[in-house]
């Protein structure tokens, strides 16, 4: 009887230990992908945040017109409904970002990483008037060059 009690007690402790380790790993993994709160505060206060870490930040329905976000890490950021009119996003990392209802008129997306987006499908209803796409990278290995004189995006398939 004592052996059975000791075995159950050991199993219980191991189970608790496993759950705690799993929870700790989950918390650490979440923290590894979190944005920098200081960077977010800087962006919202000044509109300037070059090279900042905004991974996964909730920027929905924000007016970020003219924001200076060159080389910013915006992977998986939530931008739905936001205005990025005239924003400087050159060399920004934008993988995982949905551009649904995002206003990009006049934005600078040169050399931006948009490799999760299919340019013809995902940007079909996005107003790209005046948007600079030279060097931007899209899914399928498409990379944009200068805008052609007559129609199109100036993006080619490798």
Protein backbone atom coordinates (compact mmCIF):
# COMPACT_ATOMS: atom_id res chain seq x y z
CA UNK A 1 0.00 0.00 0.00
CA UNK A 2 2.82 2.42 0.83
CA UNK A 3 4.51 1.63 -2.50
CA UNK A 4 1.34 2.51 -4.39
CA UNK A 5 0.97 5.80 -2.47
CA UNK A 6 4.63 6.68 -3.10
CA UNK A 7 4.26 5.89 -6.85
CA UNK A 8 1.15 8.11 -7.15
CA UNK A 9 2.85 10.91 -5.22
CA UNK A 10 5.85 10.73 -7.56
CA UNK A 11 3.58 10.75 -10.64
CA UNK A 12 1.71 13.76 -9.26
CA UNK A 13 4.95 15.71 -8.65
CA UNK A 14 6.24 14.86 -12.15
CA UNK A 15 2.97 15.95 -13.70
CA UNK A 16 3.05 19.28 -11.84
CA UNK A 17 6.70 19.80 -12.79
CA UNK A 18 5.91 19.12 -16.47
CA UNK A 19 3.00 21.56 -16.46
CA UNK A 20 5.13 24.29 -14.84
CA UNK A 21 7.98 23.81 -17.32
CA UNK A 22 5.54 23.88 -20.25
CA UNK A 23 3.93 27.06 -18.90
CA UNK A 24 7.35 28.70 -18.46
CA UNK A 25 8.34 27.84 -22.03
CA UNK A 26 5.04 29.23 -23.32
CA UNK A 27 5.56 32.52 -21.44
CA UNK A 28 9.14 32.84 -22.70
CA UNK A 29 8.12 32.12 -26.28
CA UNK A 30 5.46 34.81 -26.09
CA UNK A 31 7.89 37.33 -24.66
CA UNK A 32 10.39 36.59 -27.43
CA UNK A 33 7.89 37.83 -30.02
CA UNK A 34 6.53 40.81 -28.12
CA UNK A 35 7.08 44.37 -29.23
CA UNK A 36 9.15 46.85 -27.25
CA UNK A 37 6.73 49.00 -25.21
CA UNK A 38 9.20 51.89 -25.24
CA UNK A 39 9.37 51.81 -29.03
CA UNK A 40 5.57 51.82 -29.26
CA UNK A 41 5.35 54.80 -26.89
CA UNK A 42 7.98 56.66 -28.94
CA UNK A 43 6.09 56.04 -32.18
CA UNK A 44 2.76 57.16 -30.75
CA UNK A 45 4.26 60.28 -29.14
CA UNK A 46 6.52 61.47 -31.95
CA UNK A 47 5.65 59.55 -35.12
CA UNK A 48 9.33 58.57 -35.36
CA UNK A 49 10.64 55.11 -34.64
CA UNK A 50 13.42 54.13 -37.01
CA UNK A 51 14.67 50.58 -36.57
CA UNK A 52 12.29 49.94 -33.69
CA UNK A 53 10.75 46.65 -32.59
CA UNK A 54 6.98 46.66 -33.09
CA UNK A 55 6.52 42.93 -33.69
CA UNK A 56 2.91 42.00 -33.04
CA UNK A 57 1.95 45.51 -31.86
CA UNK A 58 -1.73 46.47 -32.04
CA UNK A 59 -1.79 49.52 -34.29
CA UNK A 60 -5.32 49.03 -35.60
CA UNK A 61 -7.25 52.16 -36.61
CA UNK A 62 -4.32 54.48 -35.85
CA UNK A 63 -3.37 57.55 -37.82
CA UNK A 64 0.30 56.94 -38.56
CA UNK A 65 0.40 59.29 -41.53
CA UNK A 66 3.94 60.44 -42.21
CA UNK A 67 5.39 58.09 -39.57
CA UNK A 68 9.11 57.47 -39.88
CA UNK A 69 9.47 53.71 -39.58
CA UNK A 70 12.54 53.02 -41.70
CA UNK A 71 13.97 49.54 -40.98
CA UNK A 72 11.33 48.96 -38.29
CA UNK A 73 10.38 45.40 -37.40
CA UNK A 74 6.61 45.27 -37.84
CA UNK A 75 6.28 41.52 -38.30
CA UNK A 76 2.76 40.35 -37.39
CA UNK A 77 1.73 43.86 -36.31
CA UNK A 78 -2.00 44.56 -36.51
CA UNK A 79 -2.57 47.47 -38.88
CA UNK A 80 -6.17 46.99 -40.08
CA UNK A 81 -7.92 50.30 -40.62
CA UNK A 82 -4.78 52.37 -40.05
CA UNK A 83 -3.54 55.28 -42.13
CA UNK A 84 0.07 55.08 -43.27
CA UNK A 85 -0.33 57.84 -45.83
CA UNK A 86 3.13 59.18 -46.65
CA UNK A 87 4.76 56.88 -44.09
CA UNK A 88 8.46 56.07 -44.44
CA UNK A 89 8.68 52.26 -44.33
CA UNK A 90 11.85 51.76 -46.32
CA UNK A 91 13.52 48.43 -45.46
CA UNK A 92 10.80 47.66 -42.90
CA UNK A 93 10.04 44.04 -42.03
CA UNK A 94 6.32 43.63 -42.67
CA UNK A 95 5.93 39.85 -42.92
CA UNK A 96 2.66 38.63 -41.46
CA UNK A 97 1.04 42.08 -41.67
CA UNK A 98 -2.44 42.24 -43.17
CA UNK A 99 -3.02 45.36 -45.23
CA UNK A 100 -6.83 45.15 -45.15
CA UNK A 101 -8.25 48.70 -45.15
CA UNK A 102 -4.80 50.21 -44.60
CA UNK A 103 -4.29 53.51 -46.38
CA UNK A 104 -0.83 53.60 -47.99
CA UNK A 105 -1.09 56.50 -50.43
CA UNK A 106 2.38 57.97 -50.96
CA UNK A 107 4.10 55.55 -48.56
CA UNK A 108 7.72 54.57 -49.13
CA UNK A 109 7.93 50.76 -49.16
CA UNK A 110 11.25 50.53 -51.00
CA UNK A 111 13.24 47.44 -49.99
CA UNK A 112 10.47 46.40 -47.57
CA UNK A 113 9.99 42.72 -46.74
CA UNK A 114 6.46 41.78 -47.79
CA UNK A 115 7.31 38.19 -48.72
CA UNK A 116 4.06 36.79 -47.30
CA UNK A 117 1.95 38.92 -49.68
CA UNK A 118 1.02 38.10 -53.26
CA UNK A 119 1.19 41.48 -54.98
CA UNK A 120 -1.65 40.86 -57.43
CA UNK A 121 -4.08 39.32 -54.94
CA UNK A 122 -3.32 40.88 -51.54
CA UNK A 123 -2.92 44.43 -52.82
CA UNK A 124 -5.80 44.36 -55.27
CA UNK A 125 -8.00 46.71 -53.23
CA UNK A 126 -5.25 48.73 -51.54
CA UNK A 127 -4.78 52.27 -52.83
CA UNK A 128 -1.14 52.37 -53.87
CA UNK A 129 -1.22 55.81 -55.48
CA UNK A 130 2.27 57.25 -55.25
CA UNK A 131 3.60 54.28 -53.25
CA UNK A 132 7.29 53.57 -53.82
CA UNK A 133 7.86 49.80 -54.22
CA UNK A 134 11.34 49.64 -55.73
CA UNK A 135 13.24 46.73 -54.15
CA UNK A 136 10.20 45.51 -52.17
CA UNK A 137 10.03 41.72 -51.92
CA UNK A 138 6.78 39.75 -52.30
CA UNK A 139 5.81 36.07 -52.27
CA UNK A 140 6.97 33.87 -55.11
CA UNK A 141 10.29 35.70 -55.18
CA UNK A 142 8.80 38.76 -56.85
CA UNK A 143 10.92 41.84 -56.44
CA UNK A 144 9.94 45.30 -57.60
CA UNK A 145 12.02 47.62 -59.73
CA UNK A 146 11.22 51.17 -60.73
CA UNK A 147 7.65 51.76 -61.83
CA UNK A 148 7.24 51.25 -65.56
CA UNK A 149 6.12 54.14 -67.71
CA UNK A 150 2.98 52.31 -68.82
CA UNK A 151 0.98 50.39 -66.17
CA UNK A 152 1.91 47.60 -63.80
CA UNK A 153 3.92 47.49 -60.61
CA UNK A 154 7.38 47.01 -62.07
CA UNK A 155 7.64 43.72 -60.18
CA UNK A 156 9.05 40.62 -61.80
CA UNK A 157 9.04 36.90 -61.10
CA UNK A 158 12.50 35.34 -60.66
